């Protein structure tokens, strides 16, 4: 693919951002590939366990919430880097960042139940 398809809107330039040295900084691999791997792990954690995992596999919702927070922080750092260093953003990266940010509040109720199940025994508090 010669160009990353993207809406022609001011401030968007996926080609410029995604071809930058920063995009290949970790493992000399495109950060989009690492993002897909991270999203796959989130999907695994989201689907893992049964309906009662807040009590019988507490580590799953706690790990999912922790990963969601870490992904959200990383997304904010990458977005800030795009804005400050390149003066442009990638629409795909911005969409992924928004999804990562949305995962935090989505994961917190179950993590809270798992935490209280750990500290109070039943998770109903």
PDB file of N, CA and C in Angstrom:
ATOM      1  N   UNK A   1       0.838  -1.157   0.000  1.00  0.00           N
ATOM      2  CA  UNK A   1       0.000   0.000   0.000  1.00  0.00           C
ATOM      3  C   UNK A   1       0.902   1.244   0.000  1.00  0.00           C
ATOM      4  N   UNK A   2       0.731   2.064  -0.973  1.00  0.00           N
ATOM      5  CA  UNK A   2       1.567   3.268  -1.087  1.00  0.00           C
ATOM      6  C   UNK A   2       1.111   4.387  -0.153  1.00  0.00           C
ATOM      7  N   UNK A   3      -0.179   4.476   0.061  1.00  0.00           N
ATOM      8  CA  UNK A   3      -0.726   5.544   0.912  1.00  0.00           C
ATOM      9  C   UNK A   3      -1.726   4.950   1.889  1.00  0.00           C
ATOM     10  N   UNK A   4      -1.777   5.530   3.052  1.00  0.00           N
ATOM     11  CA  UNK A   4      -2.782   5.130   4.033  1.00  0.00           C
ATOM     12  C   UNK A   4      -4.056   5.913   3.718  1.00  0.00           C
ATOM     13  N   UNK A   5      -5.155   5.225   3.400  1.00  0.00           N
ATOM     14  CA  UNK A   5      -6.379   5.952   3.073  1.00  0.00           C
ATOM     15  C   UNK A   5      -6.877   6.737   4.287  1.00  0.00           C
ATOM     16  N   UNK A   6      -7.276   7.959   4.025  1.00  0.00           N
ATOM     17  CA  UNK A   6      -7.684   8.830   5.119  1.00  0.00           C
ATOM     18  C   UNK A   6      -8.543   9.960   4.562  1.00  0.00           C
ATOM     19  N   UNK A   7      -9.516  10.436   5.344  1.00  0.00           N
ATOM     20  CA  UNK A   7     -10.312  11.582   4.882  1.00  0.00           C
ATOM     21  C   UNK A   7      -9.411  12.791   4.624  1.00  0.00           C
ATOM     22  N   UNK A   8      -9.752  13.559   3.625  1.00  0.00           N
ATOM     23  CA  UNK A   8      -8.970  14.767   3.312  1.00  0.00           C
ATOM     24  C   UNK A   8      -9.515  15.931   4.127  1.00  0.00           C
ATOM     25  N   UNK A   9      -9.056  15.984   5.356  1.00  0.00           N
ATOM     26  CA  UNK A   9      -9.463  17.042   6.274  1.00  0.00           C
ATOM     27  C   UNK A   9      -8.215  17.724   6.811  1.00  0.00           C
ATOM     28  N   UNK A  10      -8.325  18.999   7.143  1.00  0.00           N
ATOM     29  CA  UNK A  10      -7.159  19.706   7.684  1.00  0.00           C
ATOM     30  C   UNK A  10      -6.650  19.036   8.963  1.00  0.00           C
ATOM     31  N   UNK A  11      -5.339  18.947   9.077  1.00  0.00           N
ATOM     32  CA  UNK A  11      -4.723  18.385  10.274  1.00  0.00           C
ATOM     33  C   UNK A  11      -4.519  16.889  10.239  1.00  0.00           C
ATOM     34  N   UNK A  12      -5.064  16.218   9.211  1.00  0.00           N
ATOM     35  CA  UNK A  12      -4.887  14.771   9.093  1.00  0.00           C
ATOM     36  C   UNK A  12      -3.795  14.471   8.080  1.00  0.00           C
ATOM     37  N   UNK A  13      -2.882  13.598   8.455  1.00  0.00           N
ATOM     38  CA  UNK A  13      -1.817  13.194   7.534  1.00  0.00           C
ATOM     39  C   UNK A  13      -1.216  11.876   8.016  1.00  0.00           C
ATOM     40  N   UNK A  14      -1.941  10.796   7.778  1.00  0.00           N
ATOM     41  CA  UNK A  14      -1.495   9.482   8.226  1.00  0.00           C
ATOM     42  C   UNK A  14      -0.155   9.108   7.608  1.00  0.00           C
ATOM     43  N   UNK A  15       0.049   9.451   6.341  1.00  0.00           N
ATOM     44  CA  UNK A  15       1.312   9.096   5.693  1.00  0.00           C
ATOM     45  C   UNK A  15       2.498   9.732   6.414  1.00  0.00           C
ATOM     46  N   UNK A  16       2.370  10.973   6.752  1.00  0.00           N
ATOM     47  CA  UNK A  16       3.463  11.683   7.433  1.00  0.00           C
ATOM     48  C   UNK A  16       3.713  11.117   8.836  1.00  0.00           C
ATOM     49  N   UNK A  17       2.648  10.894   9.576  1.00  0.00           N
ATOM     50  CA  UNK A  17       2.770  10.416  10.955  1.00  0.00           C
ATOM     51  C   UNK A  17       3.222   8.961  10.997  1.00  0.00           C
ATOM     52  N   UNK A  18       2.587   8.116  10.188  1.00  0.00           N
ATOM     53  CA  UNK A  18       2.864   6.681  10.252  1.00  0.00           C
ATOM     54  C   UNK A  18       4.204   6.294   9.647  1.00  0.00           C
ATOM     55  N   UNK A  19       4.786   7.154   8.828  1.00  0.00           N
ATOM     56  CA  UNK A  19       6.099   6.868   8.241  1.00  0.00           C
ATOM     57  C   UNK A  19       7.235   7.468   9.068  1.00  0.00           C
ATOM     58  N   UNK A  20       6.906   8.127  10.163  1.00  0.00           N
ATOM     59  CA  UNK A  20       7.938   8.779  10.972  1.00  0.00           C
ATOM     60  C   UNK A  20       8.777   7.749  11.716  1.00  0.00           C
ATOM     61  N   UNK A  21       9.940   8.167  12.131  1.00  0.00           N
ATOM     62  CA  UNK A  21      10.826   7.293  12.896  1.00  0.00           C
ATOM     63  C   UNK A  21      10.204   6.835  14.199  1.00  0.00           C
ATOM     64  N   UNK A  22       9.397   7.698  14.824  1.00  0.00           N
ATOM     65  CA  UNK A  22       8.751   7.335  16.087  1.00  0.00           C
ATOM     66  C   UNK A  22       7.804   6.153  15.913  1.00  0.00           C
ATOM     67  N   UNK A  23       7.200   6.035  14.744  1.00  0.00           N
ATOM     68  CA  UNK A  23       6.256   4.947  14.502  1.00  0.00           C
ATOM     69  C   UNK A  23       6.948   3.588  14.460  1.00  0.00           C
ATOM     70  N   UNK A  24       8.269   3.581  14.310  1.00  0.00           N
ATOM     71  CA  UNK A  24       9.028   2.331  14.233  1.00  0.00           C
ATOM     72  C   UNK A  24       9.985   2.174  15.411  1.00  0.00           C
ATOM     73  N   UNK A  25       9.808   2.973  16.435  1.00  0.00           N
ATOM     74  CA  UNK A  25      10.749   3.037  17.552  1.00  0.00           C
ATOM     75  C   UNK A  25      10.839   1.729  18.337  1.00  0.00           C
ATOM     76  N   UNK A  26       9.730   1.052  18.584  1.00  0.00           N
ATOM     77  CA  UNK A  26       9.722  -0.168  19.388  1.00  0.00           C
ATOM     78  C   UNK A  26       9.913  -1.379  18.482  1.00  0.00           C
ATOM     79  N   UNK A  27      10.962  -2.129  18.716  1.00  0.00           N
ATOM     80  CA  UNK A  27      11.266  -3.363  17.976  1.00  0.00           C
ATOM     81  C   UNK A  27      11.447  -3.142  16.477  1.00  0.00           C
ATOM     82  N   UNK A  28      11.679  -1.921  16.052  1.00  0.00           N
ATOM     83  CA  UNK A  28      11.801  -1.569  14.637  1.00  0.00           C
ATOM     84  C   UNK A  28      10.617  -2.138  13.853  1.00  0.00           C
ATOM     85  N   UNK A  29       9.452  -2.020  14.447  1.00  0.00           N
ATOM     86  CA  UNK A  29       8.211  -2.555  13.901  1.00  0.00           C
ATOM     87  C   UNK A  29       7.179  -1.434  13.856  1.00  0.00           C
ATOM     88  N   UNK A  30       6.341  -1.388  12.834  1.00  0.00           N
ATOM     89  CA  UNK A  30       5.317  -0.343  12.798  1.00  0.00           C
ATOM     90  C   UNK A  30       4.457  -0.372  14.066  1.00  0.00           C
ATOM     91  N   UNK A  31       4.227   0.784  14.646  1.00  0.00           N
ATOM     92  CA  UNK A  31       3.441   0.817  15.878  1.00  0.00           C
ATOM     93  C   UNK A  31       2.007   0.348  15.651  1.00  0.00           C
ATOM     94  N   UNK A  32       1.525   0.410  14.425  1.00  0.00           N
ATOM     95  CA  UNK A  32       0.182  -0.103  14.136  1.00  0.00           C
ATOM     96  C   UNK A  32       0.121  -1.615  14.361  1.00  0.00           C
ATOM     97  N   UNK A  33       1.174  -2.332  13.991  1.00  0.00           N
ATOM     98  CA  UNK A  33       1.209  -3.783  14.213  1.00  0.00           C
ATOM     99  C   UNK A  33       1.213  -4.091  15.707  1.00  0.00           C
ATOM    100  N   UNK A  34       1.971  -3.316  16.468  1.00  0.00           N
ATOM    101  CA  UNK A  34       1.989  -3.504  17.919  1.00  0.00           C
ATOM    102  C   UNK A  34       0.632  -3.147  18.525  1.00  0.00           C
ATOM    103  N   UNK A  35      -0.027  -2.140  17.955  1.00  0.00           N
ATOM    104  CA  UNK A  35      -1.363  -1.771  18.417  1.00  0.00           C
ATOM    105  C   UNK A  35      -2.372  -2.882  18.172  1.00  0.00           C
ATOM    106  N   UNK A  36      -2.267  -3.544  17.025  1.00  0.00           N
ATOM    107  CA  UNK A  36      -3.158  -4.673  16.740  1.00  0.00           C
ATOM    108  C   UNK A  36      -2.927  -5.815  17.720  1.00  0.00           C
ATOM    109  N   UNK A  37      -1.668  -6.081  18.027  1.00  0.00           N
ATOM    110  CA  UNK A  37      -1.333  -7.121  18.999  1.00  0.00           C
ATOM    111  C   UNK A  37      -1.908  -6.767  20.372  1.00  0.00           C
ATOM    112  N   UNK A  38      -1.770  -5.515  20.770  1.00  0.00           N
ATOM    113  CA  UNK A  38      -2.314  -5.062  22.050  1.00  0.00           C
ATOM    114  C   UNK A  38      -3.835  -5.187  22.070  1.00  0.00           C
ATOM    115  N   UNK A  39      -4.478  -4.813  20.982  1.00  0.00           N
ATOM    116  CA  UNK A  39      -5.940  -4.931  20.901  1.00  0.00           C
ATOM    117  C   UNK A  39      -6.379  -6.387  20.964  1.00  0.00           C
ATOM    118  N   UNK A  40      -5.606  -7.270  20.364  1.00  0.00           N
ATOM    119  CA  UNK A  40      -5.920  -8.699  20.430  1.00  0.00           C
ATOM    120  C   UNK A  40      -5.860  -9.195  21.873  1.00  0.00           C
ATOM    121  N   UNK A  41      -4.859  -8.755  22.622  1.00  0.00           N
ATOM    122  CA  UNK A  41      -4.760  -9.141  24.028  1.00  0.00           C
ATOM    123  C   UNK A  41      -5.954  -8.600  24.822  1.00  0.00           C
ATOM    124  N   UNK A  42      -6.362  -7.380  24.542  1.00  0.00           N
ATOM    125  CA  UNK A  42      -7.544  -6.814  25.202  1.00  0.00           C
ATOM    126  C   UNK A  42      -8.774  -7.653  24.887  1.00  0.00           C
ATOM    127  N   UNK A  43      -8.915  -8.069  23.636  1.00  0.00           N
ATOM    128  CA  UNK A  43     -10.045  -8.902  23.236  1.00  0.00           C
ATOM    129  C   UNK A  43     -10.032 -10.234  23.983  1.00  0.00           C
ATOM    130  N   UNK A  44      -8.852 -10.838  24.118  1.00  0.00           N
ATOM    131  CA  UNK A  44      -8.732 -12.101  24.856  1.00  0.00           C
ATOM    132  C   UNK A  44      -9.170 -11.901  26.306  1.00  0.00           C
ATOM    133  N   UNK A  45      -8.659 -10.854  26.962  1.00  0.00           N
ATOM    134  CA  UNK A  45      -9.027 -10.596  28.358  1.00  0.00           C
ATOM    135  C   UNK A  45     -10.520 -10.308  28.504  1.00  0.00           C
ATOM    136  N   UNK A  46     -11.091  -9.613  27.533  1.00  0.00           N
ATOM    137  CA  UNK A  46     -12.514  -9.277  27.587  1.00  0.00           C
ATOM    138  C   UNK A  46     -13.383 -10.530  27.497  1.00  0.00           C
ATOM    139  N   UNK A  47     -12.994 -11.471  26.662  1.00  0.00           N
ATOM    140  CA  UNK A  47     -13.794 -12.672  26.466  1.00  0.00           C
ATOM    141  C   UNK A  47     -13.456 -13.831  27.382  1.00  0.00           C
ATOM    142  N   UNK A  48     -12.432 -13.681  28.177  1.00  0.00           N
ATOM    143  CA  UNK A  48     -11.926 -14.763  29.019  1.00  0.00           C
ATOM    144  C   UNK A  48     -12.803 -14.985  30.258  1.00  0.00           C
ATOM    145  N   UNK A  49     -12.938 -16.226  30.669  1.00  0.00           N
ATOM    146  CA  UNK A  49     -13.648 -16.536  31.906  1.00  0.00           C
ATOM    147  C   UNK A  49     -15.146 -16.670  31.699  1.00  0.00           C
ATOM    148  N   UNK A  50     -15.824 -16.934  32.819  1.00  0.00           N
ATOM    149  CA  UNK A  50     -17.274 -17.118  32.753  1.00  0.00           C
ATOM    150  C   UNK A  50     -17.993 -15.900  33.336  1.00  0.00           C
ATOM    151  N   UNK A  51     -19.300 -16.025  33.496  1.00  0.00           N
ATOM    152  CA  UNK A  51     -20.098 -14.904  34.005  1.00  0.00           C
ATOM    153  C   UNK A  51     -19.765 -14.535  35.446  1.00  0.00           C
ATOM    154  N   UNK A  52     -19.131 -15.437  36.161  1.00  0.00           N
ATOM    155  CA  UNK A  52     -18.822 -15.211  37.571  1.00  0.00           C
ATOM    156  C   UNK A  52     -17.336 -14.936  37.797  1.00  0.00           C
ATOM    157  N   UNK A  53     -16.683 -14.413  36.795  1.00  0.00           N
ATOM    158  CA  UNK A  53     -15.235 -14.223  36.910  1.00  0.00           C
ATOM    159  C   UNK A  53     -14.838 -13.155  37.918  1.00  0.00           C
ATOM    160  N   UNK A  54     -15.751 -12.292  38.325  1.00  0.00           N
ATOM    161  CA  UNK A  54     -15.407 -11.306  39.358  1.00  0.00           C
ATOM    162  C   UNK A  54     -15.158 -11.984  40.699  1.00  0.00           C
ATOM    163  N   UNK A  55     -15.635 -13.228  40.857  1.00  0.00           N
ATOM    164  CA  UNK A  55     -15.389 -13.969  42.098  1.00  0.00           C
ATOM    165  C   UNK A  55     -14.433 -15.137  41.923  1.00  0.00           C
ATOM    166  N   UNK A  56     -14.532 -15.847  40.801  1.00  0.00           N
ATOM    167  CA  UNK A  56     -13.700 -17.047  40.683  1.00  0.00           C
ATOM    168  C   UNK A  56     -12.434 -16.863  39.845  1.00  0.00           C
ATOM    169  N   UNK A  57     -12.327 -15.770  39.134  1.00  0.00           N
ATOM    170  CA  UNK A  57     -11.096 -15.433  38.388  1.00  0.00           C
ATOM    171  C   UNK A  57     -10.904 -13.923  38.442  1.00  0.00           C
ATOM    172  N   UNK A  58     -10.752 -13.441  39.650  1.00  0.00           N
ATOM    173  CA  UNK A  58     -10.698 -11.994  39.891  1.00  0.00           C
ATOM    174  C   UNK A  58      -9.599 -11.297  39.113  1.00  0.00           C
ATOM    175  N   UNK A  59      -8.526 -11.996  38.867  1.00  0.00           N
ATOM    176  CA  UNK A  59      -7.381 -11.382  38.192  1.00  0.00           C
ATOM    177  C   UNK A  59      -7.732 -10.926  36.782  1.00  0.00           C
ATOM    178  N   UNK A  60      -8.702 -11.573  36.138  1.00  0.00           N
ATOM    179  CA  UNK A  60      -9.026 -11.209  34.751  1.00  0.00           C
ATOM    180  C   UNK A  60      -9.596  -9.784  34.667  1.00  0.00           C
ATOM    181  N   UNK A  61     -10.673  -9.450  35.389  1.00  0.00           N
ATOM    182  CA  UNK A  61     -11.170  -8.073  35.279  1.00  0.00           C
ATOM    183  C   UNK A  61     -10.190  -7.038  35.821  1.00  0.00           C
ATOM    184  N   UNK A  62      -9.404  -7.414  36.823  1.00  0.00           N
ATOM    185  CA  UNK A  62      -8.407  -6.473  37.347  1.00  0.00           C
ATOM    186  C   UNK A  62      -7.314  -6.219  36.313  1.00  0.00           C
ATOM    187  N   UNK A  63      -6.868  -7.283  35.647  1.00  0.00           N
ATOM    188  CA  UNK A  63      -5.848  -7.126  34.611  1.00  0.00           C
ATOM    189  C   UNK A  63      -6.405  -6.354  33.412  1.00  0.00           C
ATOM    190  N   UNK A  64      -7.644  -6.629  33.056  1.00  0.00           N
ATOM    191  CA  UNK A  64      -8.268  -5.916  31.937  1.00  0.00           C
ATOM    192  C   UNK A  64      -8.342  -4.416  32.225  1.00  0.00           C
ATOM    193  N   UNK A  65      -8.756  -4.057  33.422  1.00  0.00           N
ATOM    194  CA  UNK A  65      -8.835  -2.633  33.769  1.00  0.00           C
ATOM    195  C   UNK A  65      -7.445  -2.001  33.781  1.00  0.00           C
ATOM    196  N   UNK A  66      -6.467  -2.708  34.328  1.00  0.00           N
ATOM    197  CA  UNK A  66      -5.100  -2.186  34.332  1.00  0.00           C
ATOM    198  C   UNK A  66      -4.566  -1.996  32.925  1.00  0.00           C
ATOM    199  N   UNK A  67      -4.839  -2.968  32.065  1.00  0.00           N
ATOM    200  CA  UNK A  67      -4.392  -2.855  30.677  1.00  0.00           C
ATOM    201  C   UNK A  67      -5.119  -1.715  29.976  1.00  0.00           C
ATOM    202  N   UNK A  68      -6.397  -1.551  30.256  1.00  0.00           N
ATOM    203  CA  UNK A  68      -7.158  -0.454  29.646  1.00  0.00           C
ATOM    204  C   UNK A  68      -6.569   0.898  30.040  1.00  0.00           C
ATOM    205  N   UNK A  69      -6.209   1.046  31.294  1.00  0.00           N
ATOM    206  CA  UNK A  69      -5.601   2.304  31.748  1.00  0.00           C
ATOM    207  C   UNK A  69      -4.253   2.511  31.063  1.00  0.00           C
ATOM    208  N   UNK A  70      -3.435   1.460  31.010  1.00  0.00           N
ATOM    209  CA  UNK A  70      -2.121   1.569  30.355  1.00  0.00           C
ATOM    210  C   UNK A  70      -2.273   1.922  28.876  1.00  0.00           C
ATOM    211  N   UNK A  71      -3.221   1.283  28.197  1.00  0.00           N
ATOM    212  CA  UNK A  71      -3.456   1.581  26.780  1.00  0.00           C
ATOM    213  C   UNK A  71      -3.934   3.017  26.588  1.00  0.00           C
ATOM    214  N   UNK A  72      -4.796   3.487  27.488  1.00  0.00           N
ATOM    215  CA  UNK A  72      -5.294   4.860  27.386  1.00  0.00           C
ATOM    216  C   UNK A  72      -4.161   5.862  27.564  1.00  0.00           C
ATOM    217  N   UNK A  73      -3.298   5.612  28.537  1.00  0.00           N
ATOM    218  CA  UNK A  73      -2.154   6.509  28.761  1.00  0.00           C
ATOM    219  C   UNK A  73      -1.239   6.508  27.541  1.00  0.00           C
ATOM    220  N   UNK A  74      -0.933   5.323  27.015  1.00  0.00           N
ATOM    221  CA  UNK A  74      -0.072   5.230  25.831  1.00  0.00           C
ATOM    222  C   UNK A  74      -0.708   5.952  24.642  1.00  0.00           C
ATOM    223  N   UNK A  75      -2.010   5.818  24.486  1.00  0.00           N
ATOM    224  CA  UNK A  75      -2.709   6.497  23.390  1.00  0.00           C
ATOM    225  C   UNK A  75      -2.617   8.009  23.520  1.00  0.00           C
ATOM    226  N   UNK A  76      -2.772   8.509  24.732  1.00  0.00           N
ATOM    227  CA  UNK A  76      -2.667   9.955  24.953  1.00  0.00           C
ATOM    228  C   UNK A  76      -1.255  10.455  24.662  1.00  0.00           C
ATOM    229  N   UNK A  77      -0.252   9.675  25.060  1.00  0.00           N
ATOM    230  CA  UNK A  77       1.143  10.050  24.791  1.00  0.00           C
ATOM    231  C   UNK A  77       1.390  10.092  23.289  1.00  0.00           C
ATOM    232  N   UNK A  78       0.946   9.065  22.567  1.00  0.00           N
ATOM    233  CA  UNK A  78       1.150   9.030  21.117  1.00  0.00           C
ATOM    234  C   UNK A  78       0.388  10.150  20.414  1.00  0.00           C
ATOM    235  N   UNK A  79      -0.828  10.435  20.865  1.00  0.00           N
ATOM    236  CA  UNK A  79      -1.594  11.525  20.265  1.00  0.00           C
ATOM    237  C   UNK A  79      -0.883  12.863  20.488  1.00  0.00           C
ATOM    238  N   UNK A  80      -0.411  13.081  21.705  1.00  0.00           N
ATOM    239  CA  UNK A  80       0.315  14.325  22.010  1.00  0.00           C
ATOM    240  C   UNK A  80       1.581  14.428  21.168  1.00  0.00           C
ATOM    241  N   UNK A  81       2.254  13.312  20.959  1.00  0.00           N
ATOM    242  CA  UNK A  81       3.460  13.313  20.117  1.00  0.00           C
ATOM    243  C   UNK A  81       3.118  13.708  18.684  1.00  0.00           C
ATOM    244  N   UNK A  82       2.028  13.168  18.157  1.00  0.00           N
ATOM    245  CA  UNK A  82       1.624  13.517  16.796  1.00  0.00           C
ATOM    246  C   UNK A  82       1.336  15.013  16.682  1.00  0.00           C
ATOM    247  N   UNK A  83       0.601  15.532  17.633  1.00  0.00           N
ATOM    248  CA  UNK A  83       0.235  16.951  17.597  1.00  0.00           C
ATOM    249  C   UNK A  83       1.465  17.837  17.760  1.00  0.00           C
ATOM    250  N   UNK A  84       2.301  17.531  18.730  1.00  0.00           N
ATOM    251  CA  UNK A  84       3.441  18.397  19.047  1.00  0.00           C
ATOM    252  C   UNK A  84       4.615  18.253  18.087  1.00  0.00           C
ATOM    253  N   UNK A  85       4.893  17.046  17.655  1.00  0.00           N
ATOM    254  CA  UNK A  85       6.061  16.833  16.806  1.00  0.00           C
ATOM    255  C   UNK A  85       5.744  16.984  15.328  1.00  0.00           C
ATOM    256  N   UNK A  86       4.612  16.450  14.906  1.00  0.00           N
ATOM    257  CA  UNK A  86       4.286  16.433  13.472  1.00  0.00           C
ATOM    258  C   UNK A  86       3.281  17.508  13.075  1.00  0.00           C
ATOM    259  N   UNK A  87       2.618  18.073  14.047  1.00  0.00           N
ATOM    260  CA  UNK A  87       1.572  19.069  13.790  1.00  0.00           C
ATOM    261  C   UNK A  87       0.445  18.507  12.920  1.00  0.00           C
ATOM    262  N   UNK A  88       0.342  17.211  12.934  1.00  0.00           N
ATOM    263  CA  UNK A  88      -0.693  16.483  12.201  1.00  0.00           C
ATOM    264  C   UNK A  88      -1.047  15.248  13.022  1.00  0.00           C
ATOM    265  N   UNK A  89      -2.213  14.675  12.732  1.00  0.00           N
ATOM    266  CA  UNK A  89      -2.588  13.419  13.373  1.00  0.00           C
ATOM    267  C   UNK A  89      -3.048  12.427  12.313  1.00  0.00           C
ATOM    268  N   UNK A  90      -3.002  11.192  12.677  1.00  0.00           N
ATOM    269  CA  UNK A  90      -3.497  10.099  11.847  1.00  0.00           C
ATOM    270  C   UNK A  90      -4.925   9.795  12.305  1.00  0.00           C
ATOM    271  N   UNK A  91      -5.871   9.807  11.377  1.00  0.00           N
ATOM    272  CA  UNK A  91      -7.267   9.566  11.770  1.00  0.00           C
ATOM    273  C   UNK A  91      -7.444   8.173  12.365  1.00  0.00           C
ATOM    274  N   UNK A  92      -6.730   7.192  11.830  1.00  0.00           N
ATOM    275  CA  UNK A  92      -6.826   5.821  12.330  1.00  0.00           C
ATOM    276  C   UNK A  92      -6.273   5.728  13.748  1.00  0.00           C
ATOM    277  N   UNK A  93      -5.164   6.408  13.985  1.00  0.00           N
ATOM    278  CA  UNK A  93      -4.557   6.428  15.325  1.00  0.00           C
ATOM    279  C   UNK A  93      -5.487   7.117  16.313  1.00  0.00           C
ATOM    280  N   UNK A  94      -6.128   8.186  15.862  1.00  0.00           N
ATOM    281  CA  UNK A  94      -7.043   8.927  16.725  1.00  0.00           C
ATOM    282  C   UNK A  94      -8.261   8.076  17.067  1.00  0.00           C
ATOM    283  N   UNK A  95      -8.766   7.338  16.097  1.00  0.00           N
ATOM    284  CA  UNK A  95      -9.890   6.433  16.343  1.00  0.00           C
ATOM    285  C   UNK A  95      -9.495   5.341  17.338  1.00  0.00           C
ATOM    286  N   UNK A  96      -8.304   4.770  17.160  1.00  0.00           N
ATOM    287  CA  UNK A  96      -7.817   3.742  18.092  1.00  0.00           C
ATOM    288  C   UNK A  96      -7.640   4.321  19.491  1.00  0.00           C
ATOM    289  N   UNK A  97      -7.134   5.545  19.578  1.00  0.00           N
ATOM    290  CA  UNK A  97      -6.958   6.197  20.882  1.00  0.00           C
ATOM    291  C   UNK A  97      -8.313   6.398  21.560  1.00  0.00           C
ATOM    292  N   UNK A  98      -9.310   6.812  20.797  1.00  0.00           N
ATOM    293  CA  UNK A  98     -10.651   7.003  21.363  1.00  0.00           C
ATOM    294  C   UNK A  98     -11.211   5.682  21.886  1.00  0.00           C
ATOM    295  N   UNK A  99     -10.993   4.601  21.141  1.00  0.00           N
ATOM    296  CA  UNK A  99     -11.454   3.284  21.593  1.00  0.00           C
ATOM    297  C   UNK A  99     -10.737   2.874  22.879  1.00  0.00           C
ATOM    298  N   UNK A 100      -9.439   3.144  22.948  1.00  0.00           N
ATOM    299  CA  UNK A 100      -8.686   2.816  24.162  1.00  0.00           C
ATOM    300  C   UNK A 100      -9.183   3.630  25.353  1.00  0.00           C
ATOM    301  N   UNK A 101      -9.467   4.901  25.132  1.00  0.00           N
ATOM    302  CA  UNK A 101      -9.994   5.736  26.215  1.00  0.00           C
ATOM    303  C   UNK A 101     -11.372   5.242  26.668  1.00  0.00           C
ATOM    304  N   UNK A 102     -12.204   4.825  25.720  1.00  0.00           N
ATOM    305  CA  UNK A 102     -13.547   4.335  26.054  1.00  0.00           C
ATOM    306  C   UNK A 102     -13.500   3.030  26.838  1.00  0.00           C
ATOM    307  N   UNK A 103     -12.438   2.271  26.677  1.00  0.00           N
ATOM    308  CA  UNK A 103     -12.316   0.988  27.369  1.00  0.00           C
ATOM    309  C   UNK A 103     -12.136   1.162  28.874  1.00  0.00           C
ATOM    310  N   UNK A 104     -11.596   2.295  29.298  1.00  0.00           N
ATOM    311  CA  UNK A 104     -11.356   2.495  30.736  1.00  0.00           C
ATOM    312  C   UNK A 104     -12.673   2.482  31.517  1.00  0.00           C
ATOM    313  N   UNK A 105     -13.618   3.380  31.230  1.00  0.00           N
ATOM    314  CA  UNK A 105     -14.861   3.328  32.012  1.00  0.00           C
ATOM    315  C   UNK A 105     -15.661   2.046  31.779  1.00  0.00           C
ATOM    316  N   UNK A 106     -15.490   1.427  30.619  1.00  0.00           N
ATOM    317  CA  UNK A 106     -16.199   0.173  30.350  1.00  0.00           C
ATOM    318  C   UNK A 106     -15.675  -0.970  31.220  1.00  0.00           C
ATOM    319  N   UNK A 107     -14.395  -0.926  31.580  1.00  0.00           N
ATOM    320  CA  UNK A 107     -13.794  -2.021  32.346  1.00  0.00           C
ATOM    321  C   UNK A 107     -13.871  -1.821  33.859  1.00  0.00           C
ATOM    322  N   UNK A 108     -14.138  -0.610  34.301  1.00  0.00           N
ATOM    323  CA  UNK A 108     -14.076  -0.317  35.736  1.00  0.00           C
ATOM    324  C   UNK A 108     -15.158  -0.979  36.596  1.00  0.00           C
ATOM    325  N   UNK A 109     -16.419  -1.061  36.180  1.00  0.00           N
ATOM    326  CA  UNK A 109     -17.410  -1.697  37.060  1.00  0.00           C
ATOM    327  C   UNK A 109     -17.064  -3.151  37.411  1.00  0.00           C
ATOM    328  N   UNK A 110     -16.640  -3.911  36.433  1.00  0.00           N
ATOM    329  CA  UNK A 110     -16.284  -5.303  36.700  1.00  0.00           C
ATOM    330  C   UNK A 110     -15.019  -5.390  37.553  1.00  0.00           C
ATOM    331  N   UNK A 111     -14.054  -4.514  37.295  1.00  0.00           N
ATOM    332  CA  UNK A 111     -12.832  -4.503  38.104  1.00  0.00           C
ATOM    333  C   UNK A 111     -13.156  -4.138  39.548  1.00  0.00           C
ATOM    334  N   UNK A 112     -14.055  -3.186  39.721  1.00  0.00           N
ATOM    335  CA  UNK A 112     -14.461  -2.794  41.078  1.00  0.00           C
ATOM    336  C   UNK A 112     -15.114  -3.971  41.797  1.00  0.00           C
ATOM    337  N   UNK A 113     -16.000  -4.682  41.112  1.00  0.00           N
ATOM    338  CA  UNK A 113     -16.646  -5.853  41.714  1.00  0.00           C
ATOM    339  C   UNK A 113     -15.615  -6.917  42.071  1.00  0.00           C
ATOM    340  N   UNK A 114     -14.647  -7.133  41.199  1.00  0.00           N
ATOM    341  CA  UNK A 114     -13.596  -8.116  41.485  1.00  0.00           C
ATOM    342  C   UNK A 114     -12.754  -7.670  42.677  1.00  0.00           C
ATOM    343  N   UNK A 115     -12.446  -6.383  42.744  1.00  0.00           N
ATOM    344  CA  UNK A 115     -11.651  -5.857  43.857  1.00  0.00           C
ATOM    345  C   UNK A 115     -12.387  -6.046  45.189  1.00  0.00           C
ATOM    346  N   UNK A 116     -13.677  -5.691  45.217  1.00  0.00           N
ATOM    347  CA  UNK A 116     -14.436  -5.848  46.455  1.00  0.00           C
ATOM    348  C   UNK A 116     -14.686  -7.310  46.778  1.00  0.00           C
ATOM    349  N   UNK A 117     -14.749  -8.154  45.776  1.00  0.00           N
ATOM    350  CA  UNK A 117     -14.858  -9.584  46.015  1.00  0.00           C
ATOM    351  C   UNK A 117     -13.590 -10.091  46.689  1.00  0.00           C
ATOM    352  N   UNK A 118     -12.456  -9.518  46.309  1.00  0.00           N
ATOM    353  CA  UNK A 118     -11.173  -9.895  46.903  1.00  0.00           C
ATOM    354  C   UNK A 118     -11.081  -9.391  48.338  1.00  0.00           C
ATOM    355  N   UNK A 119     -11.492  -8.154  48.569  1.00  0.00           N
ATOM    356  CA  UNK A 119     -11.302  -7.543  49.883  1.00  0.00           C
ATOM    357  C   UNK A 119     -12.466  -7.770  50.840  1.00  0.00           C
ATOM    358  N   UNK A 120     -13.671  -8.021  50.307  1.00  0.00           N
ATOM    359  CA  UNK A 120     -14.847  -8.177  51.166  1.00  0.00           C
ATOM    360  C   UNK A 120     -15.542  -9.528  51.003  1.00  0.00           C
ATOM    361  N   UNK A 121     -15.076 -10.332  50.085  1.00  0.00           N
ATOM    362  CA  UNK A 121     -15.579 -11.692  49.980  1.00  0.00           C
ATOM    363  C   UNK A 121     -16.697 -11.942  48.995  1.00  0.00           C
ATOM    364  N   UNK A 122     -17.582 -10.982  48.736  1.00  0.00           N
ATOM    365  CA  UNK A 122     -18.701 -11.308  47.852  1.00  0.00           C
ATOM    366  C   UNK A 122     -18.837 -10.407  46.634  1.00  0.00           C
ATOM    367  N   UNK A 123     -18.156  -9.296  46.581  1.00  0.00           N
ATOM    368  CA  UNK A 123     -18.188  -8.435  45.412  1.00  0.00           C
ATOM    369  C   UNK A 123     -19.452  -7.626  45.249  1.00  0.00           C
ATOM    370  N   UNK A 124     -20.337  -7.659  46.247  1.00  0.00           N
ATOM    371  CA  UNK A 124     -21.610  -6.959  46.112  1.00  0.00           C
ATOM    372  C   UNK A 124     -21.599  -5.568  46.713  1.00  0.00           C
ATOM    373  N   UNK A 125     -20.549  -5.178  47.312  1.00  0.00           N
ATOM    374  CA  UNK A 125     -20.480  -3.889  47.978  1.00  0.00           C
ATOM    375  C   UNK A 125     -20.459  -2.731  47.043  1.00  0.00           C
TER     376      UNK A 125
END
